Amino acid sequence: QVQLEESGGGLVQAGGSLRLSCAASGRTERQNDMGWFRQAPGKDRSFVAAISWSTGTERYAESVKGRFTISRDNAKNTVYLQMNSLKPEDTAVYYCVVGAGWGRYDYWGQGTQVTVSS
């Protein structure tokens, strides 16, 4: 099993920044990809960003490219999501995910709320 602990959500004004963190613990040796999804009220969960532990390859949803940056600290089994130029439409619960590879996410965090006021 893998446990994910998220932090860093909160309330920010439009144009502001937040940084989310997600630390993985437990049986992480088979996990190679870590990232974030989000779910806005009344909408389905959608992909935000992901990063490969082994290659560092980053992937982003079109809606966040140029504003969000995902990074990792392998020694701490931690992934970060730096969110800049936030918009009200970024308001959502953000979920950390980890899995064996891109698109294969077996473990999800509890979620952290991000609210962007206009």
C-alpha atoms as a PDB file:
ATOM      1  CA  GLN A   1       0.000   0.000   0.000  1.00  0.00           C
ATOM      2  CA  VAL A   2       0.975   3.585  -0.587  1.00  0.00           C
ATOM      3  CA  GLN A   3      -0.124   6.516   1.505  1.00  0.00           C
ATOM      4  CA  LEU A   4      -0.318  10.052   0.156  1.00  0.00           C
ATOM      5  CA  GLU A   5      -0.313  13.159   2.321  1.00  0.00           C
ATOM      6  CA  GLU A   6      -1.293  16.403   0.611  1.00  0.00           C
ATOM      7  CA  SER A   7      -0.867  19.935   1.853  1.00  0.00           C
ATOM      8  CA  GLY A   8      -0.859  23.506   0.635  1.00  0.00           C
ATOM      9  CA  GLY A   9      -4.405  24.204  -0.434  1.00  0.00           C
ATOM     10  CA  GLY A  10      -6.257  27.332   0.576  1.00  0.00           C
ATOM     11  CA  LEU A  11      -7.960  30.536  -0.506  1.00  0.00           C
ATOM     12  CA  VAL A  12      -6.230  32.975  -2.828  1.00  0.00           C
ATOM     13  CA  GLN A  13      -7.247  35.892  -5.003  1.00  0.00           C
ATOM     14  CA  ALA A  14      -7.184  35.654  -8.754  1.00  0.00           C
ATOM     15  CA  GLY A  15      -3.668  36.197 -10.049  1.00  0.00           C
ATOM     16  CA  GLY A  16      -2.141  34.779  -6.892  1.00  0.00           C
ATOM     17  CA  SER A  17      -0.073  31.668  -6.290  1.00  0.00           C
ATOM     18  CA  LEU A  18      -0.213  28.516  -4.221  1.00  0.00           C
ATOM     19  CA  ARG A  19       2.058  25.509  -3.899  1.00  0.00           C
ATOM     20  CA  LEU A  20       0.688  22.047  -3.259  1.00  0.00           C
ATOM     21  CA  SER A  21       2.804  19.266  -1.815  1.00  0.00           C
ATOM     22  CA  CYS A  22       2.235  15.540  -1.756  1.00  0.00           C
ATOM     23  CA  ALA A  23       4.410  13.104   0.151  1.00  0.00           C
ATOM     24  CA  ALA A  24       4.234   9.403  -0.616  1.00  0.00           C
ATOM     25  CA  SER A  25       5.050   6.708   1.923  1.00  0.00           C
ATOM     26  CA  GLY A  26       4.758   2.947   2.182  1.00  0.00           C
ATOM     27  CA  ARG A  27       5.423   0.603  -0.739  1.00  0.00           C
ATOM     28  CA  THR A  28       6.595   3.238  -3.196  1.00  0.00           C
ATOM     29  CA  GLU A  29       9.305   1.221  -4.931  1.00  0.00           C
ATOM     30  CA  ARG A  30       6.994   0.146  -7.777  1.00  0.00           C
ATOM     31  CA  GLN A  31       5.582   3.612  -8.336  1.00  0.00           C
ATOM     32  CA  ASN A  32       7.079   5.677 -11.134  1.00  0.00           C
ATOM     33  CA  ASP A  33       4.591   8.414 -11.942  1.00  0.00           C
ATOM     34  CA  MET A  34       3.067  10.965  -9.631  1.00  0.00           C
ATOM     35  CA  GLY A  35       0.762  13.847 -10.295  1.00  0.00           C
ATOM     36  CA  TRP A  36      -2.416  15.795  -9.687  1.00  0.00           C
ATOM     37  CA  PHE A  37      -6.031  15.676 -10.730  1.00  0.00           C
ATOM     38  CA  ARG A  38      -8.753  18.103  -9.766  1.00  0.00           C
ATOM     39  CA  GLN A  39     -12.504  18.128  -9.424  1.00  0.00           C
ATOM     40  CA  ALA A  40     -14.539  21.296  -9.583  1.00  0.00           C
ATOM     41  CA  PRO A  41     -18.090  21.437  -8.203  1.00  0.00           C
ATOM     42  CA  GLY A  42     -20.489  19.637 -10.516  1.00  0.00           C
ATOM     43  CA  LYS A  43     -17.724  18.412 -12.819  1.00  0.00           C
ATOM     44  CA  ASP A  44     -15.779  15.219 -13.351  1.00  0.00           C
ATOM     45  CA  ARG A  45     -12.247  14.779 -12.115  1.00  0.00           C
ATOM     46  CA  SER A  46      -9.717  15.958 -14.673  1.00  0.00           C
ATOM     47  CA  PHE A  47      -5.997  15.614 -15.159  1.00  0.00           C
ATOM     48  CA  VAL A  48      -3.798  18.553 -14.156  1.00  0.00           C
ATOM     49  CA  ALA A  49      -0.143  17.515 -14.266  1.00  0.00           C
ATOM     50  CA  ALA A  50       2.160  14.544 -13.781  1.00  0.00           C
ATOM     51  CA  ILE A  51       5.855  13.785 -13.557  1.00  0.00           C
ATOM     52  CA  SER A  52       7.916  10.641 -14.007  1.00  0.00           C
ATOM     53  CA  TRP A  53      10.158   9.736 -11.089  1.00  0.00           C
ATOM     54  CA  SER A  54      12.737   8.086 -13.355  1.00  0.00           C
ATOM     55  CA  THR A  55      12.954  10.479 -16.295  1.00  0.00           C
ATOM     56  CA  GLY A  56      11.526  13.696 -14.936  1.00  0.00           C
ATOM     57  CA  THR A  57       9.168  13.941 -17.913  1.00  0.00           C
ATOM     58  CA  GLU A  58       6.416  16.434 -17.158  1.00  0.00           C
ATOM     59  CA  ARG A  59       2.887  16.446 -18.560  1.00  0.00           C
ATOM     60  CA  TYR A  60       0.276  19.178 -18.234  1.00  0.00           C
ATOM     61  CA  ALA A  61      -3.317  19.783 -19.098  1.00  0.00           C
ATOM     62  CA  GLU A  62      -3.668  22.489 -21.728  1.00  0.00           C
ATOM     63  CA  SER A  63      -5.604  24.659 -19.313  1.00  0.00           C
ATOM     64  CA  VAL A  64      -2.661  24.978 -16.905  1.00  0.00           C
ATOM     65  CA  LYS A  65       0.333  25.037 -19.258  1.00  0.00           C
ATOM     66  CA  GLY A  66       2.526  28.038 -18.626  1.00  0.00           C
ATOM     67  CA  ARG A  67       0.947  28.690 -15.227  1.00  0.00           C
ATOM     68  CA  PHE A  68       1.521  25.487 -13.241  1.00  0.00           C
ATOM     69  CA  THR A  69       4.809  23.681 -12.703  1.00  0.00           C
ATOM     70  CA  ILE A  70       5.196  20.187 -11.310  1.00  0.00           C
ATOM     71  CA  SER A  71       8.442  19.109  -9.674  1.00  0.00           C
ATOM     72  CA  ARG A  72       9.715  16.281  -7.507  1.00  0.00           C
ATOM     73  CA  ASP A  73      12.115  15.528  -4.705  1.00  0.00           C
ATOM     74  CA  ASN A  74      13.036  11.884  -5.101  1.00  0.00           C
ATOM     75  CA  ALA A  75      14.802  11.699  -1.753  1.00  0.00           C
ATOM     76  CA  LYS A  76      11.628  12.790   0.015  1.00  0.00           C
ATOM     77  CA  ASN A  77       9.184  10.920  -2.270  1.00  0.00           C
ATOM     78  CA  THR A  78       7.440  14.244  -2.627  1.00  0.00           C
ATOM     79  CA  VAL A  79       5.883  16.012  -5.587  1.00  0.00           C
ATOM     80  CA  TYR A  80       5.039  19.697  -5.736  1.00  0.00           C
ATOM     81  CA  LEU A  81       2.616  21.699  -7.839  1.00  0.00           C
ATOM     82  CA  GLN A  82       3.468  25.373  -8.111  1.00  0.00           C
ATOM     83  CA  MET A  83       0.366  27.212  -9.280  1.00  0.00           C
ATOM     84  CA  ASN A  84       0.785  30.762 -10.520  1.00  0.00           C
ATOM     85  CA  SER A  85      -1.602  33.228 -12.139  1.00  0.00           C
ATOM     86  CA  LEU A  86      -4.507  31.411 -10.585  1.00  0.00           C
ATOM     87  CA  LYS A  87      -7.969  31.912 -12.025  1.00  0.00           C
ATOM     88  CA  PRO A  88     -11.405  31.390 -10.475  1.00  0.00           C
ATOM     89  CA  GLU A  89     -11.864  28.407 -12.800  1.00  0.00           C
ATOM     90  CA  ASP A  90      -8.939  26.715 -11.050  1.00  0.00           C
ATOM     91  CA  THR A  91     -11.146  26.376  -7.982  1.00  0.00           C
ATOM     92  CA  ALA A  92     -11.428  22.675  -7.209  1.00  0.00           C
ATOM     93  CA  VAL A  93     -10.410  19.883  -4.902  1.00  0.00           C
ATOM     94  CA  TYR A  94      -6.946  18.802  -5.969  1.00  0.00           C
ATOM     95  CA  TYR A  95      -6.021  15.129  -5.633  1.00  0.00           C
ATOM     96  CA  CYS A  96      -2.531  13.708  -5.563  1.00  0.00           C
ATOM     97  CA  VAL A  97      -2.059  10.440  -7.460  1.00  0.00           C
ATOM     98  CA  VAL A  98       0.714   7.889  -7.813  1.00  0.00           C
ATOM     99  CA  GLY A  99       1.111   4.841  -9.993  1.00  0.00           C
ATOM    100  CA  ALA A 100       3.357   2.583 -12.001  1.00  0.00           C
ATOM    101  CA  GLY A 101       3.293   4.818 -15.036  1.00  0.00           C
ATOM    102  CA  TRP A 102       1.578   7.551 -16.979  1.00  0.00           C
ATOM    103  CA  GLY A 103      -2.172   7.137 -16.720  1.00  0.00           C
ATOM    104  CA  ARG A 104      -1.903   4.143 -14.390  1.00  0.00           C
ATOM    105  CA  TYR A 105      -2.690   5.652 -11.042  1.00  0.00           C
ATOM    106  CA  ASP A 106      -3.559   3.177  -8.343  1.00  0.00           C
ATOM    107  CA  TYR A 107      -3.449   5.437  -5.321  1.00  0.00           C
ATOM    108  CA  TRP A 108      -5.239   8.695  -4.641  1.00  0.00           C
ATOM    109  CA  GLY A 109      -4.911  11.193  -1.824  1.00  0.00           C
ATOM    110  CA  GLN A 110      -7.806  12.592   0.160  1.00  0.00           C
ATOM    111  CA  GLY A 111      -7.770  15.882  -1.693  1.00  0.00           C
ATOM    112  CA  THR A 112      -7.016  19.474  -0.779  1.00  0.00           C
ATOM    113  CA  GLN A 113      -9.290  22.410  -1.514  1.00  0.00           C
ATOM    114  CA  VAL A 114      -8.067  25.272  -3.665  1.00  0.00           C
ATOM    115  CA  THR A 115     -10.370  28.287  -3.905  1.00  0.00           C
ATOM    116  CA  VAL A 116      -9.593  31.238  -6.151  1.00  0.00           C
ATOM    117  CA  SER A 117     -11.697  34.339  -5.595  1.00  0.00           C
ATOM    118  CA  SER A 118     -12.356  36.868  -8.318  1.00  0.00           C
END
